[in-house]
Amino acid sequence: NNAEGCVKYQFTQDLENENLVYLF
């Protein structure tokens, strides 16, 4: 909503290991 030029920000929690997160 606020950062100039941010097209996408997404994070996903791993299905097999909830302690792992992937950020794009």
PDBML (XML) file of the C-alpha atoms, coordinates in Angstrom:
<?xml version="1.0" encoding="UTF-8" ?>
<PDBx:datablock datablockName="MODEL"
   xmlns:PDBx="http://pdbml.pdb.org/schema/pdbx-v50.xsd"
   xmlns:xsi="http://www.w3.org/2001/XMLSchema-instance"
   xsi:schemaLocation="http://pdbml.pdb.org/schema/pdbx-v50.xsd pdbx-v50.xsd">
   <PDBx:atom_siteCategory>
      <PDBx:atom_site id="1">
         <PDBx:B_iso_or_equiv>0.00</PDBx:B_iso_or_equiv>
         <PDBx:Cartn_x>0.000</PDBx:Cartn_x>
         <PDBx:Cartn_y>0.000</PDBx:Cartn_y>
         <PDBx:Cartn_z>0.000</PDBx:Cartn_z>
         <PDBx:auth_asym_id>A</PDBx:auth_asym_id>
         <PDBx:auth_atom_id>CA</PDBx:auth_atom_id>
         <PDBx:auth_comp_id>ASN</PDBx:auth_comp_id>
         <PDBx:auth_seq_id>1</PDBx:auth_seq_id>
         <PDBx:group_PDB>ATOM</PDBx:group_PDB>
         <PDBx:label_alt_id xsi:nil="true" />
         <PDBx:label_asym_id>A</PDBx:label_asym_id>
         <PDBx:label_atom_id>CA</PDBx:label_atom_id>
         <PDBx:label_comp_id>ASN</PDBx:label_comp_id>
         <PDBx:label_entity_id>1</PDBx:label_entity_id>
         <PDBx:label_seq_id>1</PDBx:label_seq_id>
         <PDBx:occupancy>1.00</PDBx:occupancy>
         <PDBx:pdbx_PDB_model_num>1</PDBx:pdbx_PDB_model_num>
         <PDBx:type_symbol>C</PDBx:type_symbol>
      </PDBx:atom_site>
      <PDBx:atom_site id="2">
         <PDBx:B_iso_or_equiv>0.00</PDBx:B_iso_or_equiv>
         <PDBx:Cartn_x>2.811</PDBx:Cartn_x>
         <PDBx:Cartn_y>2.474</PDBx:Cartn_y>
         <PDBx:Cartn_z>0.684</PDBx:Cartn_z>
         <PDBx:auth_asym_id>A</PDBx:auth_asym_id>
         <PDBx:auth_atom_id>CA</PDBx:auth_atom_id>
         <PDBx:auth_comp_id>ASN</PDBx:auth_comp_id>
         <PDBx:auth_seq_id>2</PDBx:auth_seq_id>
         <PDBx:group_PDB>ATOM</PDBx:group_PDB>
         <PDBx:label_alt_id xsi:nil="true" />
         <PDBx:label_asym_id>A</PDBx:label_asym_id>
         <PDBx:label_atom_id>CA</PDBx:label_atom_id>
         <PDBx:label_comp_id>ASN</PDBx:label_comp_id>
         <PDBx:label_entity_id>1</PDBx:label_entity_id>
         <PDBx:label_seq_id>2</PDBx:label_seq_id>
         <PDBx:occupancy>1.00</PDBx:occupancy>
         <PDBx:pdbx_PDB_model_num>1</PDBx:pdbx_PDB_model_num>
         <PDBx:type_symbol>C</PDBx:type_symbol>
      </PDBx:atom_site>
      <PDBx:atom_site id="3">
         <PDBx:B_iso_or_equiv>0.00</PDBx:B_iso_or_equiv>
         <PDBx:Cartn_x>6.191</PDBx:Cartn_x>
         <PDBx:Cartn_y>1.515</PDBx:Cartn_y>
         <PDBx:Cartn_z>-0.768</PDBx:Cartn_z>
         <PDBx:auth_asym_id>A</PDBx:auth_asym_id>
         <PDBx:auth_atom_id>CA</PDBx:auth_atom_id>
         <PDBx:auth_comp_id>ALA</PDBx:auth_comp_id>
         <PDBx:auth_seq_id>3</PDBx:auth_seq_id>
         <PDBx:group_PDB>ATOM</PDBx:group_PDB>
         <PDBx:label_alt_id xsi:nil="true" />
         <PDBx:label_asym_id>A</PDBx:label_asym_id>
         <PDBx:label_atom_id>CA</PDBx:label_atom_id>
         <PDBx:label_comp_id>ALA</PDBx:label_comp_id>
         <PDBx:label_entity_id>1</PDBx:label_entity_id>
         <PDBx:label_seq_id>3</PDBx:label_seq_id>
         <PDBx:occupancy>1.00</PDBx:occupancy>
         <PDBx:pdbx_PDB_model_num>1</PDBx:pdbx_PDB_model_num>
         <PDBx:type_symbol>C</PDBx:type_symbol>
      </PDBx:atom_site>
      <PDBx:atom_site id="4">
         <PDBx:B_iso_or_equiv>0.00</PDBx:B_iso_or_equiv>
         <PDBx:Cartn_x>7.029</PDBx:Cartn_x>
         <PDBx:Cartn_y>3.146</PDBx:Cartn_y>
         <PDBx:Cartn_z>-4.061</PDBx:Cartn_z>
         <PDBx:auth_asym_id>A</PDBx:auth_asym_id>
         <PDBx:auth_atom_id>CA</PDBx:auth_atom_id>
         <PDBx:auth_comp_id>GLU</PDBx:auth_comp_id>
         <PDBx:auth_seq_id>4</PDBx:auth_seq_id>
         <PDBx:group_PDB>ATOM</PDBx:group_PDB>
         <PDBx:label_alt_id xsi:nil="true" />
         <PDBx:label_asym_id>A</PDBx:label_asym_id>
         <PDBx:label_atom_id>CA</PDBx:label_atom_id>
         <PDBx:label_comp_id>GLU</PDBx:label_comp_id>
         <PDBx:label_entity_id>1</PDBx:label_entity_id>
         <PDBx:label_seq_id>4</PDBx:label_seq_id>
         <PDBx:occupancy>1.00</PDBx:occupancy>
         <PDBx:pdbx_PDB_model_num>1</PDBx:pdbx_PDB_model_num>
         <PDBx:type_symbol>C</PDBx:type_symbol>
      </PDBx:atom_site>
      <PDBx:atom_site id="5">
         <PDBx:B_iso_or_equiv>0.00</PDBx:B_iso_or_equiv>
         <PDBx:Cartn_x>7.688</PDBx:Cartn_x>
         <PDBx:Cartn_y>0.551</PDBx:Cartn_y>
         <PDBx:Cartn_z>-6.739</PDBx:Cartn_z>
         <PDBx:auth_asym_id>A</PDBx:auth_asym_id>
         <PDBx:auth_atom_id>CA</PDBx:auth_atom_id>
         <PDBx:auth_comp_id>GLY</PDBx:auth_comp_id>
         <PDBx:auth_seq_id>5</PDBx:auth_seq_id>
         <PDBx:group_PDB>ATOM</PDBx:group_PDB>
         <PDBx:label_alt_id xsi:nil="true" />
         <PDBx:label_asym_id>A</PDBx:label_asym_id>
         <PDBx:label_atom_id>CA</PDBx:label_atom_id>
         <PDBx:label_comp_id>GLY</PDBx:label_comp_id>
         <PDBx:label_entity_id>1</PDBx:label_entity_id>
         <PDBx:label_seq_id>5</PDBx:label_seq_id>
         <PDBx:occupancy>1.00</PDBx:occupancy>
         <PDBx:pdbx_PDB_model_num>1</PDBx:pdbx_PDB_model_num>
         <PDBx:type_symbol>C</PDBx:type_symbol>
      </PDBx:atom_site>
      <PDBx:atom_site id="6">
         <PDBx:B_iso_or_equiv>0.00</PDBx:B_iso_or_equiv>
         <PDBx:Cartn_x>6.589</PDBx:Cartn_x>
         <PDBx:Cartn_y>-2.536</PDBx:Cartn_y>
         <PDBx:Cartn_z>-4.779</PDBx:Cartn_z>
         <PDBx:auth_asym_id>A</PDBx:auth_asym_id>
         <PDBx:auth_atom_id>CA</PDBx:auth_atom_id>
         <PDBx:auth_comp_id>CYS</PDBx:auth_comp_id>
         <PDBx:auth_seq_id>6</PDBx:auth_seq_id>
         <PDBx:group_PDB>ATOM</PDBx:group_PDB>
         <PDBx:label_alt_id xsi:nil="true" />
         <PDBx:label_asym_id>A</PDBx:label_asym_id>
         <PDBx:label_atom_id>CA</PDBx:label_atom_id>
         <PDBx:label_comp_id>CYS</PDBx:label_comp_id>
         <PDBx:label_entity_id>1</PDBx:label_entity_id>
         <PDBx:label_seq_id>6</PDBx:label_seq_id>
         <PDBx:occupancy>1.00</PDBx:occupancy>
         <PDBx:pdbx_PDB_model_num>1</PDBx:pdbx_PDB_model_num>
         <PDBx:type_symbol>C</PDBx:type_symbol>
      </PDBx:atom_site>
      <PDBx:atom_site id="7">
         <PDBx:B_iso_or_equiv>0.00</PDBx:B_iso_or_equiv>
         <PDBx:Cartn_x>4.769</PDBx:Cartn_x>
         <PDBx:Cartn_y>-4.724</PDBx:Cartn_y>
         <PDBx:Cartn_z>-7.286</PDBx:Cartn_z>
         <PDBx:auth_asym_id>A</PDBx:auth_asym_id>
         <PDBx:auth_atom_id>CA</PDBx:auth_atom_id>
         <PDBx:auth_comp_id>VAL</PDBx:auth_comp_id>
         <PDBx:auth_seq_id>7</PDBx:auth_seq_id>
         <PDBx:group_PDB>ATOM</PDBx:group_PDB>
         <PDBx:label_alt_id xsi:nil="true" />
         <PDBx:label_asym_id>A</PDBx:label_asym_id>
         <PDBx:label_atom_id>CA</PDBx:label_atom_id>
         <PDBx:label_comp_id>VAL</PDBx:label_comp_id>
         <PDBx:label_entity_id>1</PDBx:label_entity_id>
         <PDBx:label_seq_id>7</PDBx:label_seq_id>
         <PDBx:occupancy>1.00</PDBx:occupancy>
         <PDBx:pdbx_PDB_model_num>1</PDBx:pdbx_PDB_model_num>
         <PDBx:type_symbol>C</PDBx:type_symbol>
      </PDBx:atom_site>
      <PDBx:atom_site id="8">
         <PDBx:B_iso_or_equiv>0.00</PDBx:B_iso_or_equiv>
         <PDBx:Cartn_x>4.280</PDBx:Cartn_x>
         <PDBx:Cartn_y>-7.847</PDBx:Cartn_y>
         <PDBx:Cartn_z>-5.163</PDBx:Cartn_z>
         <PDBx:auth_asym_id>A</PDBx:auth_asym_id>
         <PDBx:auth_atom_id>CA</PDBx:auth_atom_id>
         <PDBx:auth_comp_id>LYS</PDBx:auth_comp_id>
         <PDBx:auth_seq_id>8</PDBx:auth_seq_id>
         <PDBx:group_PDB>ATOM</PDBx:group_PDB>
         <PDBx:label_alt_id xsi:nil="true" />
         <PDBx:label_asym_id>A</PDBx:label_asym_id>
         <PDBx:label_atom_id>CA</PDBx:label_atom_id>
         <PDBx:label_comp_id>LYS</PDBx:label_comp_id>
         <PDBx:label_entity_id>1</PDBx:label_entity_id>
         <PDBx:label_seq_id>8</PDBx:label_seq_id>
         <PDBx:occupancy>1.00</PDBx:occupancy>
         <PDBx:pdbx_PDB_model_num>1</PDBx:pdbx_PDB_model_num>
         <PDBx:type_symbol>C</PDBx:type_symbol>
      </PDBx:atom_site>
      <PDBx:atom_site id="9">
         <PDBx:B_iso_or_equiv>0.00</PDBx:B_iso_or_equiv>
         <PDBx:Cartn_x>5.105</PDBx:Cartn_x>
         <PDBx:Cartn_y>-9.103</PDBx:Cartn_y>
         <PDBx:Cartn_z>-1.693</PDBx:Cartn_z>
         <PDBx:auth_asym_id>A</PDBx:auth_asym_id>
         <PDBx:auth_atom_id>CA</PDBx:auth_atom_id>
         <PDBx:auth_comp_id>TYR</PDBx:auth_comp_id>
         <PDBx:auth_seq_id>9</PDBx:auth_seq_id>
         <PDBx:group_PDB>ATOM</PDBx:group_PDB>
         <PDBx:label_alt_id xsi:nil="true" />
         <PDBx:label_asym_id>A</PDBx:label_asym_id>
         <PDBx:label_atom_id>CA</PDBx:label_atom_id>
         <PDBx:label_comp_id>TYR</PDBx:label_comp_id>
         <PDBx:label_entity_id>1</PDBx:label_entity_id>
         <PDBx:label_seq_id>9</PDBx:label_seq_id>
         <PDBx:occupancy>1.00</PDBx:occupancy>
         <PDBx:pdbx_PDB_model_num>1</PDBx:pdbx_PDB_model_num>
         <PDBx:type_symbol>C</PDBx:type_symbol>
      </PDBx:atom_site>
      <PDBx:atom_site id="10">
         <PDBx:B_iso_or_equiv>0.00</PDBx:B_iso_or_equiv>
         <PDBx:Cartn_x>4.089</PDBx:Cartn_x>
         <PDBx:Cartn_y>-12.580</PDBx:Cartn_y>
         <PDBx:Cartn_z>-0.729</PDBx:Cartn_z>
         <PDBx:auth_asym_id>A</PDBx:auth_asym_id>
         <PDBx:auth_atom_id>CA</PDBx:auth_atom_id>
         <PDBx:auth_comp_id>GLN</PDBx:auth_comp_id>
         <PDBx:auth_seq_id>10</PDBx:auth_seq_id>
         <PDBx:group_PDB>ATOM</PDBx:group_PDB>
         <PDBx:label_alt_id xsi:nil="true" />
         <PDBx:label_asym_id>A</PDBx:label_asym_id>
         <PDBx:label_atom_id>CA</PDBx:label_atom_id>
         <PDBx:label_comp_id>GLN</PDBx:label_comp_id>
         <PDBx:label_entity_id>1</PDBx:label_entity_id>
         <PDBx:label_seq_id>10</PDBx:label_seq_id>
         <PDBx:occupancy>1.00</PDBx:occupancy>
         <PDBx:pdbx_PDB_model_num>1</PDBx:pdbx_PDB_model_num>
         <PDBx:type_symbol>C</PDBx:type_symbol>
      </PDBx:atom_site>
      <PDBx:atom_site id="11">
         <PDBx:B_iso_or_equiv>0.00</PDBx:B_iso_or_equiv>
         <PDBx:Cartn_x>5.068</PDBx:Cartn_x>
         <PDBx:Cartn_y>-15.066</PDBx:Cartn_y>
         <PDBx:Cartn_z>1.918</PDBx:Cartn_z>
         <PDBx:auth_asym_id>A</PDBx:auth_asym_id>
         <PDBx:auth_atom_id>CA</PDBx:auth_atom_id>
         <PDBx:auth_comp_id>PHE</PDBx:auth_comp_id>
         <PDBx:auth_seq_id>11</PDBx:auth_seq_id>
         <PDBx:group_PDB>ATOM</PDBx:group_PDB>
         <PDBx:label_alt_id xsi:nil="true" />
         <PDBx:label_asym_id>A</PDBx:label_asym_id>
         <PDBx:label_atom_id>CA</PDBx:label_atom_id>
         <PDBx:label_comp_id>PHE</PDBx:label_comp_id>
         <PDBx:label_entity_id>1</PDBx:label_entity_id>
         <PDBx:label_seq_id>11</PDBx:label_seq_id>
         <PDBx:occupancy>1.00</PDBx:occupancy>
         <PDBx:pdbx_PDB_model_num>1</PDBx:pdbx_PDB_model_num>
         <PDBx:type_symbol>C</PDBx:type_symbol>
      </PDBx:atom_site>
      <PDBx:atom_site id="12">
         <PDBx:B_iso_or_equiv>0.00</PDBx:B_iso_or_equiv>
         <PDBx:Cartn_x>4.110</PDBx:Cartn_x>
         <PDBx:Cartn_y>-18.703</PDBx:Cartn_y>
         <PDBx:Cartn_z>2.254</PDBx:Cartn_z>
         <PDBx:auth_asym_id>A</PDBx:auth_asym_id>
         <PDBx:auth_atom_id>CA</PDBx:auth_atom_id>
         <PDBx:auth_comp_id>THR</PDBx:auth_comp_id>
         <PDBx:auth_seq_id>12</PDBx:auth_seq_id>
         <PDBx:group_PDB>ATOM</PDBx:group_PDB>
         <PDBx:label_alt_id xsi:nil="true" />
         <PDBx:label_asym_id>A</PDBx:label_asym_id>
         <PDBx:label_atom_id>CA</PDBx:label_atom_id>
         <PDBx:label_comp_id>THR</PDBx:label_comp_id>
         <PDBx:label_entity_id>1</PDBx:label_entity_id>
         <PDBx:label_seq_id>12</PDBx:label_seq_id>
         <PDBx:occupancy>1.00</PDBx:occupancy>
         <PDBx:pdbx_PDB_model_num>1</PDBx:pdbx_PDB_model_num>
         <PDBx:type_symbol>C</PDBx:type_symbol>
      </PDBx:atom_site>
      <PDBx:atom_site id="13">
         <PDBx:B_iso_or_equiv>0.00</PDBx:B_iso_or_equiv>
         <PDBx:Cartn_x>4.507</PDBx:Cartn_x>
         <PDBx:Cartn_y>-21.130</PDBx:Cartn_y>
         <PDBx:Cartn_z>5.093</PDBx:Cartn_z>
         <PDBx:auth_asym_id>A</PDBx:auth_asym_id>
         <PDBx:auth_atom_id>CA</PDBx:auth_atom_id>
         <PDBx:auth_comp_id>GLN</PDBx:auth_comp_id>
         <PDBx:auth_seq_id>13</PDBx:auth_seq_id>
         <PDBx:group_PDB>ATOM</PDBx:group_PDB>
         <PDBx:label_alt_id xsi:nil="true" />
         <PDBx:label_asym_id>A</PDBx:label_asym_id>
         <PDBx:label_atom_id>CA</PDBx:label_atom_id>
         <PDBx:label_comp_id>GLN</PDBx:label_comp_id>
         <PDBx:label_entity_id>1</PDBx:label_entity_id>
         <PDBx:label_seq_id>13</PDBx:label_seq_id>
         <PDBx:occupancy>1.00</PDBx:occupancy>
         <PDBx:pdbx_PDB_model_num>1</PDBx:pdbx_PDB_model_num>
         <PDBx:type_symbol>C</PDBx:type_symbol>
      </PDBx:atom_site>
      <PDBx:atom_site id="14">
         <PDBx:B_iso_or_equiv>0.00</PDBx:B_iso_or_equiv>
         <PDBx:Cartn_x>5.955</PDBx:Cartn_x>
         <PDBx:Cartn_y>-24.541</PDBx:Cartn_y>
         <PDBx:Cartn_z>4.207</PDBx:Cartn_z>
         <PDBx:auth_asym_id>A</PDBx:auth_asym_id>
         <PDBx:auth_atom_id>CA</PDBx:auth_atom_id>
         <PDBx:auth_comp_id>ASP</PDBx:auth_comp_id>
         <PDBx:auth_seq_id>14</PDBx:auth_seq_id>
         <PDBx:group_PDB>ATOM</PDBx:group_PDB>
         <PDBx:label_alt_id xsi:nil="true" />
         <PDBx:label_asym_id>A</PDBx:label_asym_id>
         <PDBx:label_atom_id>CA</PDBx:label_atom_id>
         <PDBx:label_comp_id>ASP</PDBx:label_comp_id>
         <PDBx:label_entity_id>1</PDBx:label_entity_id>
         <PDBx:label_seq_id>14</PDBx:label_seq_id>
         <PDBx:occupancy>1.00</PDBx:occupancy>
         <PDBx:pdbx_PDB_model_num>1</PDBx:pdbx_PDB_model_num>
         <PDBx:type_symbol>C</PDBx:type_symbol>
      </PDBx:atom_site>
      <PDBx:atom_site id="15">
         <PDBx:B_iso_or_equiv>0.00</PDBx:B_iso_or_equiv>
         <PDBx:Cartn_x>3.338</PDBx:Cartn_x>
         <PDBx:Cartn_y>-27.303</PDBx:Cartn_y>
         <PDBx:Cartn_z>4.249</PDBx:Cartn_z>
         <PDBx:auth_asym_id>A</PDBx:auth_asym_id>
         <PDBx:auth_atom_id>CA</PDBx:auth_atom_id>
         <PDBx:auth_comp_id>LEU</PDBx:auth_comp_id>
         <PDBx:auth_seq_id>15</PDBx:auth_seq_id>
         <PDBx:group_PDB>ATOM</PDBx:group_PDB>
         <PDBx:label_alt_id xsi:nil="true" />
         <PDBx:label_asym_id>A</PDBx:label_asym_id>
         <PDBx:label_atom_id>CA</PDBx:label_atom_id>
         <PDBx:label_comp_id>LEU</PDBx:label_comp_id>
         <PDBx:label_entity_id>1</PDBx:label_entity_id>
         <PDBx:label_seq_id>15</PDBx:label_seq_id>
         <PDBx:occupancy>1.00</PDBx:occupancy>
         <PDBx:pdbx_PDB_model_num>1</PDBx:pdbx_PDB_model_num>
         <PDBx:type_symbol>C</PDBx:type_symbol>
      </PDBx:atom_site>
      <PDBx:atom_site id="16">
         <PDBx:B_iso_or_equiv>0.00</PDBx:B_iso_or_equiv>
         <PDBx:Cartn_x>5.663</PDBx:Cartn_x>
         <PDBx:Cartn_y>-29.928</PDBx:Cartn_y>
         <PDBx:Cartn_z>5.696</PDBx:Cartn_z>
         <PDBx:auth_asym_id>A</PDBx:auth_asym_id>
         <PDBx:auth_atom_id>CA</PDBx:auth_atom_id>
         <PDBx:auth_comp_id>GLU</PDBx:auth_comp_id>
         <PDBx:auth_seq_id>16</PDBx:auth_seq_id>
         <PDBx:group_PDB>ATOM</PDBx:group_PDB>
         <PDBx:label_alt_id xsi:nil="true" />
         <PDBx:label_asym_id>A</PDBx:label_asym_id>
         <PDBx:label_atom_id>CA</PDBx:label_atom_id>
         <PDBx:label_comp_id>GLU</PDBx:label_comp_id>
         <PDBx:label_entity_id>1</PDBx:label_entity_id>
         <PDBx:label_seq_id>16</PDBx:label_seq_id>
         <PDBx:occupancy>1.00</PDBx:occupancy>
         <PDBx:pdbx_PDB_model_num>1</PDBx:pdbx_PDB_model_num>
         <PDBx:type_symbol>C</PDBx:type_symbol>
      </PDBx:atom_site>
      <PDBx:atom_site id="17">
         <PDBx:B_iso_or_equiv>0.00</PDBx:B_iso_or_equiv>
         <PDBx:Cartn_x>7.634</PDBx:Cartn_x>
         <PDBx:Cartn_y>-27.782</PDBx:Cartn_y>
         <PDBx:Cartn_z>8.145</PDBx:Cartn_z>
         <PDBx:auth_asym_id>A</PDBx:auth_asym_id>
         <PDBx:auth_atom_id>CA</PDBx:auth_atom_id>
         <PDBx:auth_comp_id>ASN</PDBx:auth_comp_id>
         <PDBx:auth_seq_id>17</PDBx:auth_seq_id>
         <PDBx:group_PDB>ATOM</PDBx:group_PDB>
         <PDBx:label_alt_id xsi:nil="true" />
         <PDBx:label_asym_id>A</PDBx:label_asym_id>
         <PDBx:label_atom_id>CA</PDBx:label_atom_id>
         <PDBx:label_comp_id>ASN</PDBx:label_comp_id>
         <PDBx:label_entity_id>1</PDBx:label_entity_id>
         <PDBx:label_seq_id>17</PDBx:label_seq_id>
         <PDBx:occupancy>1.00</PDBx:occupancy>
         <PDBx:pdbx_PDB_model_num>1</PDBx:pdbx_PDB_model_num>
         <PDBx:type_symbol>C</PDBx:type_symbol>
      </PDBx:atom_site>
      <PDBx:atom_site id="18">
         <PDBx:B_iso_or_equiv>0.00</PDBx:B_iso_or_equiv>
         <PDBx:Cartn_x>5.660</PDBx:Cartn_x>
         <PDBx:Cartn_y>-24.888</PDBx:Cartn_y>
         <PDBx:Cartn_z>9.639</PDBx:Cartn_z>
         <PDBx:auth_asym_id>A</PDBx:auth_asym_id>
         <PDBx:auth_atom_id>CA</PDBx:auth_atom_id>
         <PDBx:auth_comp_id>GLU</PDBx:auth_comp_id>
         <PDBx:auth_seq_id>18</PDBx:auth_seq_id>
         <PDBx:group_PDB>ATOM</PDBx:group_PDB>
         <PDBx:label_alt_id xsi:nil="true" />
         <PDBx:label_asym_id>A</PDBx:label_asym_id>
         <PDBx:label_atom_id>CA</PDBx:label_atom_id>
         <PDBx:label_comp_id>GLU</PDBx:label_comp_id>
         <PDBx:label_entity_id>1</PDBx:label_entity_id>
         <PDBx:label_seq_id>18</PDBx:label_seq_id>
         <PDBx:occupancy>1.00</PDBx:occupancy>
         <PDBx:pdbx_PDB_model_num>1</PDBx:pdbx_PDB_model_num>
         <PDBx:type_symbol>C</PDBx:type_symbol>
      </PDBx:atom_site>
      <PDBx:atom_site id="19">
         <PDBx:B_iso_or_equiv>0.00</PDBx:B_iso_or_equiv>
         <PDBx:Cartn_x>8.863</PDBx:Cartn_x>
         <PDBx:Cartn_y>-23.251</PDBx:Cartn_y>
         <PDBx:Cartn_z>10.869</PDBx:Cartn_z>
         <PDBx:auth_asym_id>A</PDBx:auth_asym_id>
         <PDBx:auth_atom_id>CA</PDBx:auth_atom_id>
         <PDBx:auth_comp_id>ASN</PDBx:auth_comp_id>
         <PDBx:auth_seq_id>19</PDBx:auth_seq_id>
         <PDBx:group_PDB>ATOM</PDBx:group_PDB>
         <PDBx:label_alt_id xsi:nil="true" />
         <PDBx:label_asym_id>A</PDBx:label_asym_id>
         <PDBx:label_atom_id>CA</PDBx:label_atom_id>
         <PDBx:label_comp_id>ASN</PDBx:label_comp_id>
         <PDBx:label_entity_id>1</PDBx:label_entity_id>
         <PDBx:label_seq_id>19</PDBx:label_seq_id>
         <PDBx:occupancy>1.00</PDBx:occupancy>
         <PDBx:pdbx_PDB_model_num>1</PDBx:pdbx_PDB_model_num>
         <PDBx:type_symbol>C</PDBx:type_symbol>
      </PDBx:atom_site>
      <PDBx:atom_site id="20">
         <PDBx:B_iso_or_equiv>0.00</PDBx:B_iso_or_equiv>
         <PDBx:Cartn_x>9.957</PDBx:Cartn_x>
         <PDBx:Cartn_y>-22.533</PDBx:Cartn_y>
         <PDBx:Cartn_z>7.283</PDBx:Cartn_z>
         <PDBx:auth_asym_id>A</PDBx:auth_asym_id>
         <PDBx:auth_atom_id>CA</PDBx:auth_atom_id>
         <PDBx:auth_comp_id>LEU</PDBx:auth_comp_id>
         <PDBx:auth_seq_id>20</PDBx:auth_seq_id>
         <PDBx:group_PDB>ATOM</PDBx:group_PDB>
         <PDBx:label_alt_id xsi:nil="true" />
         <PDBx:label_asym_id>A</PDBx:label_asym_id>
         <PDBx:label_atom_id>CA</PDBx:label_atom_id>
         <PDBx:label_comp_id>LEU</PDBx:label_comp_id>
         <PDBx:label_entity_id>1</PDBx:label_entity_id>
         <PDBx:label_seq_id>20</PDBx:label_seq_id>
         <PDBx:occupancy>1.00</PDBx:occupancy>
         <PDBx:pdbx_PDB_model_num>1</PDBx:pdbx_PDB_model_num>
         <PDBx:type_symbol>C</PDBx:type_symbol>
      </PDBx:atom_site>
      <PDBx:atom_site id="21">
         <PDBx:B_iso_or_equiv>0.00</PDBx:B_iso_or_equiv>
         <PDBx:Cartn_x>8.630</PDBx:Cartn_x>
         <PDBx:Cartn_y>-19.492</PDBx:Cartn_y>
         <PDBx:Cartn_z>5.457</PDBx:Cartn_z>
         <PDBx:auth_asym_id>A</PDBx:auth_asym_id>
         <PDBx:auth_atom_id>CA</PDBx:auth_atom_id>
         <PDBx:auth_comp_id>VAL</PDBx:auth_comp_id>
         <PDBx:auth_seq_id>21</PDBx:auth_seq_id>
         <PDBx:group_PDB>ATOM</PDBx:group_PDB>
         <PDBx:label_alt_id xsi:nil="true" />
         <PDBx:label_asym_id>A</PDBx:label_asym_id>
         <PDBx:label_atom_id>CA</PDBx:label_atom_id>
         <PDBx:label_comp_id>VAL</PDBx:label_comp_id>
         <PDBx:label_entity_id>1</PDBx:label_entity_id>
         <PDBx:label_seq_id>21</PDBx:label_seq_id>
         <PDBx:occupancy>1.00</PDBx:occupancy>
         <PDBx:pdbx_PDB_model_num>1</PDBx:pdbx_PDB_model_num>
         <PDBx:type_symbol>C</PDBx:type_symbol>
      </PDBx:atom_site>
      <PDBx:atom_site id="22">
         <PDBx:B_iso_or_equiv>0.00</PDBx:B_iso_or_equiv>
         <PDBx:Cartn_x>9.257</PDBx:Cartn_x>
         <PDBx:Cartn_y>-18.426</PDBx:Cartn_y>
         <PDBx:Cartn_z>1.866</PDBx:Cartn_z>
         <PDBx:auth_asym_id>A</PDBx:auth_asym_id>
         <PDBx:auth_atom_id>CA</PDBx:auth_atom_id>
         <PDBx:auth_comp_id>TYR</PDBx:auth_comp_id>
         <PDBx:auth_seq_id>22</PDBx:auth_seq_id>
         <PDBx:group_PDB>ATOM</PDBx:group_PDB>
         <PDBx:label_alt_id xsi:nil="true" />
         <PDBx:label_asym_id>A</PDBx:label_asym_id>
         <PDBx:label_atom_id>CA</PDBx:label_atom_id>
         <PDBx:label_comp_id>TYR</PDBx:label_comp_id>
         <PDBx:label_entity_id>1</PDBx:label_entity_id>
         <PDBx:label_seq_id>22</PDBx:label_seq_id>
         <PDBx:occupancy>1.00</PDBx:occupancy>
         <PDBx:pdbx_PDB_model_num>1</PDBx:pdbx_PDB_model_num>
         <PDBx:type_symbol>C</PDBx:type_symbol>
      </PDBx:atom_site>
      <PDBx:atom_site id="23">
         <PDBx:B_iso_or_equiv>0.00</PDBx:B_iso_or_equiv>
         <PDBx:Cartn_x>9.181</PDBx:Cartn_x>
         <PDBx:Cartn_y>-14.734</PDBx:Cartn_y>
         <PDBx:Cartn_z>1.055</PDBx:Cartn_z>
         <PDBx:auth_asym_id>A</PDBx:auth_asym_id>
         <PDBx:auth_atom_id>CA</PDBx:auth_atom_id>
         <PDBx:auth_comp_id>LEU</PDBx:auth_comp_id>
         <PDBx:auth_seq_id>23</PDBx:auth_seq_id>
         <PDBx:group_PDB>ATOM</PDBx:group_PDB>
         <PDBx:label_alt_id xsi:nil="true" />
         <PDBx:label_asym_id>A</PDBx:label_asym_id>
         <PDBx:label_atom_id>CA</PDBx:label_atom_id>
         <PDBx:label_comp_id>LEU</PDBx:label_comp_id>
         <PDBx:label_entity_id>1</PDBx:label_entity_id>
         <PDBx:label_seq_id>23</PDBx:label_seq_id>
         <PDBx:occupancy>1.00</PDBx:occupancy>
         <PDBx:pdbx_PDB_model_num>1</PDBx:pdbx_PDB_model_num>
         <PDBx:type_symbol>C</PDBx:type_symbol>
      </PDBx:atom_site>
      <PDBx:atom_site id="24">
         <PDBx:B_iso_or_equiv>0.00</PDBx:B_iso_or_equiv>
         <PDBx:Cartn_x>8.989</PDBx:Cartn_x>
         <PDBx:Cartn_y>-13.243</PDBx:Cartn_y>
         <PDBx:Cartn_z>-2.424</PDBx:Cartn_z>
         <PDBx:auth_asym_id>A</PDBx:auth_asym_id>
         <PDBx:auth_atom_id>CA</PDBx:auth_atom_id>
         <PDBx:auth_comp_id>PHE</PDBx:auth_comp_id>
         <PDBx:auth_seq_id>24</PDBx:auth_seq_id>
         <PDBx:group_PDB>ATOM</PDBx:group_PDB>
         <PDBx:label_alt_id xsi:nil="true" />
         <PDBx:label_asym_id>A</PDBx:label_asym_id>
         <PDBx:label_atom_id>CA</PDBx:label_atom_id>
         <PDBx:label_comp_id>PHE</PDBx:label_comp_id>
         <PDBx:label_entity_id>1</PDBx:label_entity_id>
         <PDBx:label_seq_id>24</PDBx:label_seq_id>
         <PDBx:occupancy>1.00</PDBx:occupancy>
         <PDBx:pdbx_PDB_model_num>1</PDBx:pdbx_PDB_model_num>
         <PDBx:type_symbol>C</PDBx:type_symbol>
      </PDBx:atom_site>
   </PDBx:atom_siteCategory>
</PDBx:datablock>
